[in-house]
Amino acid sequence: MTVWIVFTAFIILFLALDLGVFNRTPHVIKTKEAAIWTSIWVSLALAFSGVIYWVFKDGLIENPTNLTPNAAVLKYITGYLIELSLSIDNVFVIAVIFSSFAIPQKYQHEVLFYGILGAIVFRALMIFFGVALINKFDWIIYVFGAFLLFTAYRMLTHKEAEFNPKKSKIFRFIKKLFPVSTKMDGDKFFIKRMGVRAATPLFLALIIIELTDILFALDSIPAILAITADPFIVFSSNILAILGLRSMYFLISRMLTKFRFINYSLVVILAFVGLKMIFAHNVDIPEWLSLGIIALSLAGGIIASVAIPANSDSIVKED
C-alpha cells in the first residue's frame, strides 16, 4: 500500500507543479519545449523500470502473479510501449477537436491538463475492474482478446472519414445540458451571456476529449492486460504514458502527415496482443519477444512513413 501512496503522491505533486509553476501563464508550446518535455517524460518512465525492479525484488508490493524482478521490468516496459503507441491515435483526434472549436494554441495545454486528470481517474477504475475480472473469471481473457482482434480488423478495414466533433452525438448531448457560447473569454470554461452561465468552446473541447479518451481506453487497457494482470504494473505504465501524452501532442501534432502508416503498426500491435490473450493458456510467449514485436511494429510504421514518398500512397491503397 505504501508504494501505491507514494506513486500517487508523486503524480499529484508533478501535476501541481506542471500547472502551478511550469505552465502558470498560458503560452504557445513550441516544438523545442515539447521535445524537451517529451524526452523528460519518456526518460522518467524508462527510469521508473528501476523502481519496478526494486519494489518486486524487495517485496515492497503485493505480487499476486509471482513475478520475478526482471520479468516485472519487461512487462512494465512492454505495457508502457503499448500505451505510448496507442496514444498516437489520441493525438490525431485531439488535433481535430482543437481545430474544430478553434482553440488558441496558448490554451490547449490547460485543456489537456484537465483532460489528463479525468483520464487518470477513469483509467484507474477501468484497470481495477479489468484486473478483478481477469482474476475472478479466467474466460474473460478470451473476450478481451477477441475484442482486440475485432478492433484491429476495424482499424485495418475502416475507411478514413472526416471526424467533425460539432456533428457528434457527444456535442449534441452537451448542448442539451448547458447553454453553449461560441465566444471565449481567456481560459475560462464558463462565461455569463445575457445573465446566463454558458459553456465556452474550451469546456466543450475538454468534455469531448475526455469522453473520446474513455473510448480509446477500451482498446489500450485490455492490450496492457494481455501483458500482465499485476495492477501496479498496469496502472503505472498506463499513467506514465498518459502524462507524457500532452508534450507528445505538441511535438507530433505538427507532423501528422508524416505518420501516414502508423495505423498499420497499431493494427499489428492490437492483433498480436489479441492473439496472445486468446492463446495465453496454451502458448507461453516470452516477454522479450512481445517487447521486440511491439517495438519493431511501431518502428516499422514510423520508418515507412518517413521513407516512402507521399505520392506513393495511392499505390499502397490500390493494393
C-alpha atoms as a PDB file:
ATOM      1  CA  MET A   1       0.000   0.000   0.000  1.00  0.00           C
ATOM      2  CA  THR A   2       2.869   2.368   0.769  1.00  0.00           C
ATOM      3  CA  VAL A   3       4.192   2.068  -2.795  1.00  0.00           C
ATOM      4  CA  TRP A   4       0.757   2.965  -4.188  1.00  0.00           C
ATOM      5  CA  ILE A   5       0.505   6.016  -1.936  1.00  0.00           C
ATOM      6  CA  VAL A   6       3.995   7.257  -2.828  1.00  0.00           C
ATOM      7  CA  PHE A   7       3.395   6.778  -6.554  1.00  0.00           C
ATOM      8  CA  THR A   8       0.039   8.576  -6.418  1.00  0.00           C
ATOM      9  CA  ALA A   9       1.570  11.408  -4.373  1.00  0.00           C
ATOM     10  CA  PHE A  10       4.337  11.769  -6.969  1.00  0.00           C
ATOM     11  CA  ILE A  11       1.777  12.078  -9.778  1.00  0.00           C
ATOM     12  CA  ILE A  12      -0.263  14.667  -7.859  1.00  0.00           C
ATOM     13  CA  LEU A  13       2.873  16.658  -6.993  1.00  0.00           C
ATOM     14  CA  PHE A  14       4.100  16.822 -10.565  1.00  0.00           C
ATOM     15  CA  LEU A  15       0.666  17.761 -11.909  1.00  0.00           C
ATOM     16  CA  ALA A  16       0.521  20.589  -9.349  1.00  0.00           C
ATOM     17  CA  LEU A  17       3.984  21.799 -10.379  1.00  0.00           C
ATOM     18  CA  ASP A  18       3.073  21.493 -14.045  1.00  0.00           C
ATOM     19  CA  LEU A  19       0.073  23.803 -13.948  1.00  0.00           C
ATOM     20  CA  GLY A  20       1.040  25.955 -10.943  1.00  0.00           C
ATOM     21  CA  VAL A  21       4.722  26.566 -11.771  1.00  0.00           C
ATOM     22  CA  PHE A  22       5.950  25.452 -15.196  1.00  0.00           C
ATOM     23  CA  ASN A  23       2.813  26.485 -17.106  1.00  0.00           C
ATOM     24  CA  ARG A  24       1.263  29.021 -14.783  1.00  0.00           C
ATOM     25  CA  THR A  25       0.943  31.533 -17.604  1.00  0.00           C
ATOM     26  CA  PRO A  26      -0.861  30.297 -20.756  1.00  0.00           C
ATOM     27  CA  HIS A  27       1.525  30.276 -23.693  1.00  0.00           C
ATOM     28  CA  VAL A  28       2.097  28.575 -27.024  1.00  0.00           C
ATOM     29  CA  ILE A  29       4.074  25.350 -26.593  1.00  0.00           C
ATOM     30  CA  LYS A  30       6.898  25.498 -29.124  1.00  0.00           C
ATOM     31  CA  THR A  31       8.343  22.377 -30.750  1.00  0.00           C
ATOM     32  CA  LYS A  32      11.600  22.694 -28.801  1.00  0.00           C
ATOM     33  CA  GLU A  33       9.777  22.913 -25.455  1.00  0.00           C
ATOM     34  CA  ALA A  34       7.543  19.976 -26.390  1.00  0.00           C
ATOM     35  CA  ALA A  35      10.577  17.912 -27.409  1.00  0.00           C
ATOM     36  CA  ILE A  36      12.301  18.636 -24.083  1.00  0.00           C
ATOM     37  CA  TRP A  37       9.263  17.652 -22.028  1.00  0.00           C
ATOM     38  CA  THR A  38       8.637  14.564 -24.152  1.00  0.00           C
ATOM     39  CA  SER A  39      12.240  13.490 -23.547  1.00  0.00           C
ATOM     40  CA  ILE A  40      11.832  14.140 -19.817  1.00  0.00           C
ATOM     41  CA  TRP A  41       8.672  12.060 -19.559  1.00  0.00           C
ATOM     42  CA  VAL A  42       9.997   9.177 -21.640  1.00  0.00           C
ATOM     43  CA  SER A  43      13.253   9.159 -19.668  1.00  0.00           C
ATOM     44  CA  LEU A  44      11.327   9.294 -16.403  1.00  0.00           C
ATOM     45  CA  ALA A  45       9.060   6.437 -17.466  1.00  0.00           C
ATOM     46  CA  LEU A  46      12.007   4.271 -18.522  1.00  0.00           C
ATOM     47  CA  ALA A  47      13.886   5.133 -15.325  1.00  0.00           C
ATOM     48  CA  PHE A  48      10.829   4.025 -13.363  1.00  0.00           C
ATOM     49  CA  SER A  49      11.613   0.483 -14.505  1.00  0.00           C
ATOM     50  CA  GLY A  50      14.349   0.630 -11.858  1.00  0.00           C
ATOM     51  CA  VAL A  51      11.693   1.322  -9.236  1.00  0.00           C
ATOM     52  CA  ILE A  52       9.695  -1.629 -10.563  1.00  0.00           C
ATOM     53  CA  TYR A  53      12.747  -3.882 -10.192  1.00  0.00           C
ATOM     54  CA  TRP A  54      13.385  -2.618  -6.663  1.00  0.00           C
ATOM     55  CA  VAL A  55       9.851  -2.990  -5.286  1.00  0.00           C
ATOM     56  CA  PHE A  56       9.494  -6.508  -6.716  1.00  0.00           C
ATOM     57  CA  LYS A  57      12.965  -7.539  -5.595  1.00  0.00           C
ATOM     58  CA  ASP A  58      12.459  -6.390  -2.006  1.00  0.00           C
ATOM     59  CA  GLY A  59       8.820  -7.469  -1.838  1.00  0.00           C
ATOM     60  CA  LEU A  60       7.586  -3.942  -1.146  1.00  0.00           C
ATOM     61  CA  ILE A  61       4.360  -4.582  -3.031  1.00  0.00           C
ATOM     62  CA  GLU A  62       1.913  -7.439  -3.356  1.00  0.00           C
ATOM     63  CA  ASN A  63       2.942  -9.836  -6.098  1.00  0.00           C
ATOM     64  CA  PRO A  64      -0.160 -11.931  -6.874  1.00  0.00           C
ATOM     65  CA  THR A  65       1.302 -13.256 -10.146  1.00  0.00           C
ATOM     66  CA  ASN A  66       4.674 -14.186  -8.557  1.00  0.00           C
ATOM     67  CA  LEU A  67       6.733 -12.132 -10.982  1.00  0.00           C
ATOM     68  CA  THR A  68      10.498 -12.060 -10.756  1.00  0.00           C
ATOM     69  CA  PRO A  69      12.054  -8.555 -10.760  1.00  0.00           C
ATOM     70  CA  ASN A  70      13.385  -8.999 -14.317  1.00  0.00           C
ATOM     71  CA  ALA A  71      10.024 -10.250 -15.613  1.00  0.00           C
ATOM     72  CA  ALA A  72       8.251  -7.341 -13.909  1.00  0.00           C
ATOM     73  CA  VAL A  73      10.547  -4.834 -15.631  1.00  0.00           C
ATOM     74  CA  LEU A  74       9.976  -6.406 -19.060  1.00  0.00           C
ATOM     75  CA  LYS A  75       6.209  -6.398 -18.558  1.00  0.00           C
ATOM     76  CA  TYR A  76       6.285  -2.779 -17.404  1.00  0.00           C
ATOM     77  CA  ILE A  77       8.303  -1.580 -20.410  1.00  0.00           C
ATOM     78  CA  THR A  78       6.138  -3.600 -22.811  1.00  0.00           C
ATOM     79  CA  GLY A  79       2.954  -2.202 -21.294  1.00  0.00           C
ATOM     80  CA  TYR A  80       4.323   1.342 -21.409  1.00  0.00           C
ATOM     81  CA  LEU A  81       5.304   0.982 -25.054  1.00  0.00           C
ATOM     82  CA  ILE A  82       1.858  -0.372 -25.957  1.00  0.00           C
ATOM     83  CA  GLU A  83       0.089   2.537 -24.294  1.00  0.00           C
ATOM     84  CA  LEU A  84       2.504   5.049 -25.814  1.00  0.00           C
ATOM     85  CA  SER A  85       1.955   3.701 -29.321  1.00  0.00           C
ATOM     86  CA  LEU A  86      -1.830   3.531 -28.981  1.00  0.00           C
ATOM     87  CA  SER A  87      -1.790   7.119 -27.667  1.00  0.00           C
ATOM     88  CA  ILE A  88      -0.746   8.286 -31.124  1.00  0.00           C
ATOM     89  CA  ASP A  89      -4.344   7.804 -32.243  1.00  0.00           C
ATOM     90  CA  ASN A  90      -5.387  10.181 -29.463  1.00  0.00           C
ATOM     91  CA  VAL A  91      -3.117  12.850 -30.902  1.00  0.00           C
ATOM     92  CA  PHE A  92      -4.911  12.781 -34.250  1.00  0.00           C
ATOM     93  CA  VAL A  93      -8.339  13.106 -32.628  1.00  0.00           C
ATOM     94  CA  ILE A  94      -7.255  15.831 -30.191  1.00  0.00           C
ATOM     95  CA  ALA A  95      -5.849  17.874 -33.076  1.00  0.00           C
ATOM     96  CA  VAL A  96      -9.180  17.664 -34.917  1.00  0.00           C
ATOM     97  CA  ILE A  97     -11.132  18.668 -31.789  1.00  0.00           C
ATOM     98  CA  PHE A  98      -8.943  21.718 -31.134  1.00  0.00           C
ATOM     99  CA  SER A  99      -9.179  22.747 -34.768  1.00  0.00           C
ATOM    100  CA  SER A 100     -12.951  22.298 -34.891  1.00  0.00           C
ATOM    101  CA  PHE A 101     -13.548  24.521 -31.859  1.00  0.00           C
ATOM    102  CA  ALA A 102     -10.804  26.985 -32.873  1.00  0.00           C
ATOM    103  CA  ILE A 103      -8.994  26.643 -29.542  1.00  0.00           C
ATOM    104  CA  PRO A 104      -5.996  29.015 -29.439  1.00  0.00           C
ATOM    105  CA  GLN A 105      -2.678  27.200 -29.017  1.00  0.00           C
ATOM    106  CA  LYS A 106      -1.831  29.001 -25.782  1.00  0.00           C
ATOM    107  CA  TYR A 107      -4.895  27.470 -24.065  1.00  0.00           C
ATOM    108  CA  GLN A 108      -4.537  23.954 -25.431  1.00  0.00           C
ATOM    109  CA  HIS A 109      -2.104  22.849 -22.716  1.00  0.00           C
ATOM    110  CA  GLU A 110      -4.582  23.765 -19.958  1.00  0.00           C
ATOM    111  CA  VAL A 111      -7.371  21.812 -21.639  1.00  0.00           C
ATOM    112  CA  LEU A 112      -5.108  18.782 -21.958  1.00  0.00           C
ATOM    113  CA  PHE A 113      -4.039  19.159 -18.313  1.00  0.00           C
ATOM    114  CA  TYR A 114      -7.583  18.810 -17.013  1.00  0.00           C
ATOM    115  CA  GLY A 115      -8.218  16.113 -19.584  1.00  0.00           C
ATOM    116  CA  ILE A 116      -5.325  14.146 -18.092  1.00  0.00           C
ATOM    117  CA  LEU A 117      -6.819  14.412 -14.595  1.00  0.00           C
ATOM    118  CA  GLY A 118     -10.072  12.874 -15.768  1.00  0.00           C
ATOM    119  CA  ALA A 119      -8.247  10.218 -17.788  1.00  0.00           C
ATOM    120  CA  ILE A 120      -6.283   9.119 -14.721  1.00  0.00           C
ATOM    121  CA  VAL A 121      -9.470   8.614 -12.699  1.00  0.00           C
ATOM    122  CA  PHE A 122     -11.379   6.783 -15.430  1.00  0.00           C
ATOM    123  CA  ARG A 123      -8.467   4.545 -16.365  1.00  0.00           C
ATOM    124  CA  ALA A 124      -7.775   3.698 -12.726  1.00  0.00           C
ATOM    125  CA  LEU A 125     -11.362   2.470 -12.449  1.00  0.00           C
ATOM    126  CA  MET A 126     -11.135   0.515 -15.708  1.00  0.00           C
ATOM    127  CA  ILE A 127      -7.842  -1.092 -14.651  1.00  0.00           C
ATOM    128  CA  PHE A 128      -9.263  -2.021 -11.242  1.00  0.00           C
ATOM    129  CA  PHE A 129     -12.331  -3.715 -12.719  1.00  0.00           C
ATOM    130  CA  GLY A 130     -10.368  -5.250 -15.608  1.00  0.00           C
ATOM    131  CA  VAL A 131      -7.845  -6.883 -13.273  1.00  0.00           C
ATOM    132  CA  ALA A 132     -10.658  -8.025 -10.974  1.00  0.00           C
ATOM    133  CA  LEU A 133     -12.498  -9.633 -13.889  1.00  0.00           C
ATOM    134  CA  ILE A 134      -9.400 -11.488 -15.130  1.00  0.00           C
ATOM    135  CA  ASN A 135      -8.589 -12.743 -11.639  1.00  0.00           C
ATOM    136  CA  LYS A 136     -12.167 -13.873 -10.991  1.00  0.00           C
ATOM    137  CA  PHE A 137     -13.134 -15.189 -14.424  1.00  0.00           C
ATOM    138  CA  ASP A 138     -10.376 -16.845 -16.473  1.00  0.00           C
ATOM    139  CA  TRP A 139     -12.540 -16.934 -19.577  1.00  0.00           C
ATOM    140  CA  ILE A 140     -12.787 -13.112 -19.720  1.00  0.00           C
ATOM    141  CA  ILE A 141      -9.293 -13.057 -21.208  1.00  0.00           C
ATOM    142  CA  TYR A 142     -10.702 -14.635 -24.382  1.00  0.00           C
ATOM    143  CA  VAL A 143     -13.338 -11.901 -24.585  1.00  0.00           C
ATOM    144  CA  PHE A 144     -10.656  -9.210 -24.281  1.00  0.00           C
ATOM    145  CA  GLY A 145      -8.544 -10.972 -26.915  1.00  0.00           C
ATOM    146  CA  ALA A 146     -11.434 -11.248 -29.368  1.00  0.00           C
ATOM    147  CA  PHE A 147     -12.282  -7.583 -28.791  1.00  0.00           C
ATOM    148  CA  LEU A 148      -8.723  -6.538 -29.624  1.00  0.00           C
ATOM    149  CA  LEU A 149      -8.751  -8.640 -32.799  1.00  0.00           C
ATOM    150  CA  PHE A 150     -12.031  -7.022 -33.811  1.00  0.00           C
ATOM    151  CA  THR A 151     -10.565  -3.576 -33.108  1.00  0.00           C
ATOM    152  CA  ALA A 152      -7.508  -4.394 -35.235  1.00  0.00           C
ATOM    153  CA  TYR A 153      -9.740  -5.593 -38.087  1.00  0.00           C
ATOM    154  CA  ARG A 154     -11.922  -2.495 -37.839  1.00  0.00           C
ATOM    155  CA  MET A 155      -8.845  -0.248 -37.861  1.00  0.00           C
ATOM    156  CA  LEU A 156      -7.459  -2.055 -40.921  1.00  0.00           C
ATOM    157  CA  THR A 157     -10.660  -2.022 -42.999  1.00  0.00           C
ATOM    158  CA  HIS A 158     -12.294   1.192 -41.797  1.00  0.00           C
ATOM    159  CA  LYS A 159     -12.203   3.890 -44.432  1.00  0.00           C
ATOM    160  CA  GLU A 160     -10.961   7.194 -43.149  1.00  0.00           C
ATOM    161  CA  ALA A 161     -13.802   9.625 -42.662  1.00  0.00           C
ATOM    162  CA  GLU A 162     -13.615  13.234 -41.622  1.00  0.00           C
ATOM    163  CA  PHE A 163     -14.350  13.494 -37.920  1.00  0.00           C
ATOM    164  CA  ASN A 164     -16.424  16.551 -37.068  1.00  0.00           C
ATOM    165  CA  PRO A 165     -16.846  16.972 -33.283  1.00  0.00           C
ATOM    166  CA  LYS A 166     -19.621  19.533 -33.802  1.00  0.00           C
ATOM    167  CA  LYS A 167     -21.754  16.898 -35.516  1.00  0.00           C
ATOM    168  CA  SER A 168     -21.081  14.203 -32.949  1.00  0.00           C
ATOM    169  CA  LYS A 169     -23.682  12.815 -30.539  1.00  0.00           C
ATOM    170  CA  ILE A 170     -21.485  13.925 -27.652  1.00  0.00           C
ATOM    171  CA  PHE A 171     -21.665  17.564 -28.754  1.00  0.00           C
ATOM    172  CA  ARG A 172     -25.445  17.430 -29.217  1.00  0.00           C
ATOM    173  CA  PHE A 173     -25.807  15.873 -25.763  1.00  0.00           C
ATOM    174  CA  ILE A 174     -23.676  18.598 -24.126  1.00  0.00           C
ATOM    175  CA  LYS A 175     -25.795  21.306 -25.768  1.00  0.00           C
ATOM    176  CA  LYS A 176     -28.855  19.811 -24.071  1.00  0.00           C
ATOM    177  CA  LEU A 177     -27.164  20.056 -20.661  1.00  0.00           C
ATOM    178  CA  PHE A 178     -25.585  23.520 -20.874  1.00  0.00           C
ATOM    179  CA  PRO A 179     -26.172  26.753 -22.756  1.00  0.00           C
ATOM    180  CA  VAL A 180     -23.275  26.957 -25.208  1.00  0.00           C
ATOM    181  CA  SER A 181     -21.374  30.052 -26.272  1.00  0.00           C
ATOM    182  CA  THR A 182     -19.267  30.334 -29.397  1.00  0.00           C
ATOM    183  CA  LYS A 183     -17.215  33.113 -27.794  1.00  0.00           C
ATOM    184  CA  MET A 184     -14.229  32.725 -25.462  1.00  0.00           C
ATOM    185  CA  ASP A 185     -13.015  34.781 -22.536  1.00  0.00           C
ATOM    186  CA  GLY A 186      -9.368  33.880 -21.982  1.00  0.00           C
ATOM    187  CA  ASP A 187      -9.004  30.459 -20.389  1.00  0.00           C
ATOM    188  CA  LYS A 188     -12.447  30.402 -18.778  1.00  0.00           C
ATOM    189  CA  PHE A 189     -14.567  27.288 -19.187  1.00  0.00           C
ATOM    190  CA  PHE A 190     -17.816  29.167 -18.452  1.00  0.00           C
ATOM    191  CA  ILE A 191     -18.920  32.745 -19.092  1.00  0.00           C
ATOM    192  CA  LYS A 192     -22.083  34.723 -18.430  1.00  0.00           C
ATOM    193  CA  ARG A 193     -24.033  35.548 -21.555  1.00  0.00           C
ATOM    194  CA  MET A 194     -27.090  37.780 -21.116  1.00  0.00           C
ATOM    195  CA  GLY A 195     -27.225  36.724 -17.467  1.00  0.00           C
ATOM    196  CA  VAL A 196     -26.993  33.037 -18.347  1.00  0.00           C
ATOM    197  CA  ARG A 197     -23.946  30.898 -17.478  1.00  0.00           C
ATOM    198  CA  ALA A 198     -22.786  29.299 -20.729  1.00  0.00           C
ATOM    199  CA  ALA A 199     -20.061  26.806 -21.605  1.00  0.00           C
ATOM    200  CA  THR A 200     -17.213  28.119 -23.754  1.00  0.00           C
ATOM    201  CA  PRO A 201     -15.505  26.203 -26.587  1.00  0.00           C
ATOM    202  CA  LEU A 202     -12.730  25.344 -24.081  1.00  0.00           C
ATOM    203  CA  PHE A 203     -15.179  23.368 -21.941  1.00  0.00           C
ATOM    204  CA  LEU A 204     -16.721  21.661 -24.973  1.00  0.00           C
ATOM    205  CA  ALA A 205     -13.295  20.601 -26.221  1.00  0.00           C
ATOM    206  CA  LEU A 206     -12.379  19.308 -22.750  1.00  0.00           C
ATOM    207  CA  ILE A 207     -15.504  17.153 -22.395  1.00  0.00           C
ATOM    208  CA  ILE A 208     -15.212  15.681 -25.892  1.00  0.00           C
ATOM    209  CA  ILE A 209     -11.505  14.912 -25.369  1.00  0.00           C
ATOM    210  CA  GLU A 210     -12.374  13.309 -22.016  1.00  0.00           C
ATOM    211  CA  LEU A 211     -15.077  11.070 -23.466  1.00  0.00           C
ATOM    212  CA  THR A 212     -13.076  10.075 -26.536  1.00  0.00           C
ATOM    213  CA  ASP A 213     -10.193   9.096 -24.246  1.00  0.00           C
ATOM    214  CA  ILE A 214     -12.536   6.680 -22.489  1.00  0.00           C
ATOM    215  CA  LEU A 215     -13.271   5.092 -25.872  1.00  0.00           C
ATOM    216  CA  PHE A 216      -9.547   4.781 -26.600  1.00  0.00           C
ATOM    217  CA  ALA A 217      -9.031   3.234 -23.162  1.00  0.00           C
ATOM    218  CA  LEU A 218     -11.362   0.401 -24.180  1.00  0.00           C
ATOM    219  CA  ASP A 219      -8.562  -0.682 -26.533  1.00  0.00           C
ATOM    220  CA  SER A 220      -5.473   0.185 -24.508  1.00  0.00           C
ATOM    221  CA  ILE A 221      -6.487  -1.281 -21.136  1.00  0.00           C
ATOM    222  CA  PRO A 222      -7.214  -4.805 -22.479  1.00  0.00           C
ATOM    223  CA  ALA A 223      -3.996  -4.568 -24.529  1.00  0.00           C
ATOM    224  CA  ILE A 224      -1.913  -3.985 -21.386  1.00  0.00           C
ATOM    225  CA  LEU A 225      -3.856  -6.658 -19.500  1.00  0.00           C
ATOM    226  CA  ALA A 226      -2.656  -9.063 -22.198  1.00  0.00           C
ATOM    227  CA  ILE A 227       0.873  -8.454 -20.947  1.00  0.00           C
ATOM    228  CA  THR A 228       0.199  -8.706 -17.204  1.00  0.00           C
ATOM    229  CA  ALA A 229      -2.623  -8.667 -14.679  1.00  0.00           C
ATOM    230  CA  ASP A 230      -0.428  -7.113 -11.991  1.00  0.00           C
ATOM    231  CA  PRO A 231      -2.372  -3.956 -11.037  1.00  0.00           C
ATOM    232  CA  PHE A 232       0.642  -1.797 -10.132  1.00  0.00           C
ATOM    233  CA  ILE A 233       2.485  -2.507 -13.390  1.00  0.00           C
ATOM    234  CA  VAL A 234      -0.661  -1.915 -15.442  1.00  0.00           C
ATOM    235  CA  PHE A 235      -1.510   1.318 -13.616  1.00  0.00           C
ATOM    236  CA  SER A 236       1.994   2.818 -13.517  1.00  0.00           C
ATOM    237  CA  SER A 237       2.804   2.050 -17.172  1.00  0.00           C
ATOM    238  CA  ASN A 238      -0.557   3.408 -18.296  1.00  0.00           C
ATOM    239  CA  ILE A 239      -0.463   6.589 -16.222  1.00  0.00           C
ATOM    240  CA  LEU A 240       3.139   7.481 -17.094  1.00  0.00           C
ATOM    241  CA  ALA A 241       2.308   7.103 -20.788  1.00  0.00           C
ATOM    242  CA  ILE A 242      -0.755   9.335 -20.394  1.00  0.00           C
ATOM    243  CA  LEU A 243       1.226  12.015 -18.562  1.00  0.00           C
ATOM    244  CA  GLY A 244       3.631  12.189 -21.493  1.00  0.00           C
ATOM    245  CA  LEU A 245       0.778  12.483 -23.979  1.00  0.00           C
ATOM    246  CA  ARG A 246       0.460  16.273 -23.609  1.00  0.00           C
ATOM    247  CA  SER A 247       4.034  17.057 -24.620  1.00  0.00           C
ATOM    248  CA  MET A 248       3.852  14.358 -27.298  1.00  0.00           C
ATOM    249  CA  TYR A 249       0.774  16.055 -28.723  1.00  0.00           C
ATOM    250  CA  PHE A 250       2.555  19.392 -29.139  1.00  0.00           C
ATOM    251  CA  LEU A 251       5.578  17.598 -30.596  1.00  0.00           C
ATOM    252  CA  ILE A 252       3.937  15.444 -33.257  1.00  0.00           C
ATOM    253  CA  SER A 253       0.627  17.233 -33.929  1.00  0.00           C
ATOM    254  CA  ARG A 254       2.557  19.491 -36.297  1.00  0.00           C
ATOM    255  CA  MET A 255       3.881  16.458 -38.153  1.00  0.00           C
ATOM    256  CA  LEU A 256       0.684  14.416 -38.504  1.00  0.00           C
ATOM    257  CA  THR A 257       1.024  13.956 -42.254  1.00  0.00           C
ATOM    258  CA  LYS A 258       4.448  12.328 -41.807  1.00  0.00           C
ATOM    259  CA  PHE A 259       2.997   9.377 -39.874  1.00  0.00           C
ATOM    260  CA  ARG A 260       0.765   8.032 -42.640  1.00  0.00           C
ATOM    261  CA  PHE A 261       1.495   4.364 -41.948  1.00  0.00           C
ATOM    262  CA  ILE A 262       1.396   4.369 -38.164  1.00  0.00           C
ATOM    263  CA  ASN A 263      -2.110   2.876 -38.192  1.00  0.00           C
ATOM    264  CA  TYR A 264      -0.679  -0.314 -39.692  1.00  0.00           C
ATOM    265  CA  SER A 265       1.681  -0.530 -36.730  1.00  0.00           C
ATOM    266  CA  LEU A 266      -1.266  -0.229 -34.356  1.00  0.00           C
ATOM    267  CA  VAL A 267      -3.122  -2.951 -36.272  1.00  0.00           C
ATOM    268  CA  VAL A 268      -0.170  -5.323 -35.842  1.00  0.00           C
ATOM    269  CA  ILE A 269       0.177  -4.474 -32.139  1.00  0.00           C
ATOM    270  CA  LEU A 270      -3.530  -4.937 -31.384  1.00  0.00           C
ATOM    271  CA  ALA A 271      -3.701  -8.163 -33.384  1.00  0.00           C
ATOM    272  CA  PHE A 272      -0.617  -9.557 -31.651  1.00  0.00           C
ATOM    273  CA  VAL A 273      -1.792  -8.828 -28.109  1.00  0.00           C
ATOM    274  CA  GLY A 274      -5.263 -10.095 -29.001  1.00  0.00           C
ATOM    275  CA  LEU A 275      -3.845 -13.423 -30.166  1.00  0.00           C
ATOM    276  CA  LYS A 276      -1.591 -13.527 -27.124  1.00  0.00           C
ATOM    277  CA  MET A 277      -4.637 -13.263 -24.864  1.00  0.00           C
ATOM    278  CA  ILE A 278      -6.553 -15.941 -26.740  1.00  0.00           C
ATOM    279  CA  PHE A 279      -3.663 -18.420 -26.641  1.00  0.00           C
ATOM    280  CA  ALA A 280      -2.402 -17.352 -23.186  1.00  0.00           C
ATOM    281  CA  HIS A 281      -3.325 -20.704 -21.581  1.00  0.00           C
ATOM    282  CA  ASN A 282      -1.719 -22.755 -24.360  1.00  0.00           C
ATOM    283  CA  VAL A 283       1.286 -20.824 -25.648  1.00  0.00           C
ATOM    284  CA  ASP A 284       3.839 -19.070 -23.446  1.00  0.00           C
ATOM    285  CA  ILE A 285       5.303 -16.154 -25.384  1.00  0.00           C
ATOM    286  CA  PRO A 286       8.496 -14.770 -23.771  1.00  0.00           C
ATOM    287  CA  GLU A 287       8.290 -11.157 -22.649  1.00  0.00           C
ATOM    288  CA  TRP A 288      11.383 -10.192 -24.641  1.00  0.00           C
ATOM    289  CA  LEU A 289       9.658 -11.460 -27.795  1.00  0.00           C
ATOM    290  CA  SER A 290       6.499  -9.480 -27.046  1.00  0.00           C
ATOM    291  CA  LEU A 291       8.541  -6.347 -26.443  1.00  0.00           C
ATOM    292  CA  GLY A 292      10.519  -6.907 -29.648  1.00  0.00           C
ATOM    293  CA  ILE A 293       7.423  -7.396 -31.821  1.00  0.00           C
ATOM    294  CA  ILE A 294       5.744  -4.276 -30.429  1.00  0.00           C
ATOM    295  CA  ALA A 295       8.889  -2.143 -30.792  1.00  0.00           C
ATOM    296  CA  LEU A 296       9.538  -3.367 -34.356  1.00  0.00           C
ATOM    297  CA  SER A 297       5.918  -2.774 -35.362  1.00  0.00           C
ATOM    298  CA  LEU A 298       5.993   0.797 -34.112  1.00  0.00           C
ATOM    299  CA  ALA A 299       9.415   1.494 -35.618  1.00  0.00           C
ATOM    300  CA  GLY A 300       8.337  -0.046 -38.932  1.00  0.00           C
ATOM    301  CA  GLY A 301       5.343   2.289 -39.242  1.00  0.00           C
ATOM    302  CA  ILE A 302       7.447   5.348 -38.442  1.00  0.00           C
ATOM    303  CA  ILE A 303      10.263   4.371 -40.819  1.00  0.00           C
ATOM    304  CA  ALA A 304       7.792   3.571 -43.630  1.00  0.00           C
ATOM    305  CA  SER A 305       6.064   6.932 -43.128  1.00  0.00           C
ATOM    306  CA  VAL A 306       9.369   8.763 -43.451  1.00  0.00           C
ATOM    307  CA  ALA A 307      10.944   6.626 -46.194  1.00  0.00           C
ATOM    308  CA  ILE A 308       8.010   6.192 -48.589  1.00  0.00           C
ATOM    309  CA  PRO A 309       7.198   9.357 -50.541  1.00  0.00           C
ATOM    310  CA  ALA A 310       3.730  10.802 -50.046  1.00  0.00           C
ATOM    311  CA  ASN A 311       2.864  10.377 -53.718  1.00  0.00           C
ATOM    312  CA  SER A 312       3.237   6.603 -53.280  1.00  0.00           C
ATOM    313  CA  ASP A 313       0.172   6.462 -51.009  1.00  0.00           C
ATOM    314  CA  SER A 314      -2.180   5.877 -53.903  1.00  0.00           C
ATOM    315  CA  ILE A 315      -0.169   2.834 -54.971  1.00  0.00           C
ATOM    316  CA  VAL A 316      -0.316   1.382 -51.476  1.00  0.00           C
ATOM    317  CA  LYS A 317      -4.062   1.980 -51.144  1.00  0.00           C
ATOM    318  CA  GLU A 318      -4.830   0.398 -54.506  1.00  0.00           C
ATOM    319  CA  ASP A 319      -3.134  -2.806 -53.370  1.00  0.00           C
END
